[in-house]
Amino acid sequence: MIEEDGKFSIIDLYLRLAKTEKMLAYKDQSDLWFDLGKPEQLQKAEILIKNNEQ
């Protein structure tokens, strides 16, 4: 349902979808959270997850 391309506002996407789709929420009780907004942050998260699996 994501038709946007390149950089776009996630809020605008949610508002567009909320006009026609049912929006649900999920309460995550995890202790492990990562900011994955940049490629280097994703790499750090992958390393931490791999180290936790061992």
Protein backbone atom coordinates (compact mmCIF):
# COMPACT_ATOMS: atom_id res chain seq x y z
CA MET A 1 0.00 0.00 0.00
CA ILE A 2 3.03 2.26 0.16
CA GLU A 3 3.06 4.10 -3.16
CA GLU A 4 5.47 6.83 -2.11
CA ASP A 5 8.94 6.82 -3.61
CA GLY A 6 12.19 8.23 -2.25
CA LYS A 7 12.04 10.35 0.90
CA PHE A 8 8.55 11.01 2.23
CA SER A 9 6.76 11.89 5.44
CA ILE A 10 5.60 8.82 7.34
CA ILE A 11 2.86 10.97 8.89
CA ASP A 12 1.49 11.84 5.43
CA LEU A 13 1.53 8.13 4.57
CA TYR A 14 -0.39 7.22 7.74
CA LEU A 15 -2.94 9.97 7.15
CA ARG A 16 -3.47 8.86 3.54
CA LEU A 17 -3.94 5.22 4.54
CA ALA A 18 -6.17 6.09 7.52
CA LYS A 19 -8.75 7.52 5.11
CA THR A 20 -9.49 4.07 3.66
CA GLU A 21 -7.81 1.47 5.88
CA LYS A 22 -8.31 0.28 9.45
CA MET A 23 -5.37 1.36 11.58
CA LEU A 24 -4.26 -0.91 14.43
CA ALA A 25 -1.74 -0.48 17.21
CA TYR A 26 0.70 -2.91 18.78
CA LYS A 27 2.08 -2.47 22.27
CA ASP A 28 5.59 -3.87 22.21
CA GLN A 29 6.86 -5.03 25.60
CA SER A 30 10.40 -5.76 24.36
CA ASP A 31 13.44 -4.63 26.26
CA LEU A 32 15.46 -4.25 23.06
CA TRP A 33 14.90 -1.14 20.90
CA PHE A 34 16.96 0.36 18.09
CA ASP A 35 16.87 3.57 16.08
CA LEU A 36 17.34 2.32 12.51
CA GLY A 37 17.06 5.66 10.74
CA LYS A 38 20.55 5.50 9.22
CA PRO A 39 22.48 2.65 7.54
CA GLU A 40 25.23 2.71 10.17
CA GLN A 41 22.63 2.33 12.93
CA LEU A 42 21.23 -0.72 11.16
CA GLN A 43 24.72 -2.23 11.02
CA LYS A 44 25.21 -1.65 14.77
CA ALA A 45 21.84 -3.28 15.50
CA GLU A 46 22.72 -6.32 13.39
CA ILE A 47 25.99 -6.77 15.31
CA LEU A 48 24.24 -6.46 18.69
CA ILE A 49 21.55 -8.95 17.70
CA LYS A 50 24.10 -11.47 16.39
CA ASN A 51 26.11 -11.13 19.63
CA ASN A 52 22.93 -11.67 21.73
CA GLU A 53 22.09 -14.87 19.83
CA GLN A 54 25.34 -16.56 20.86
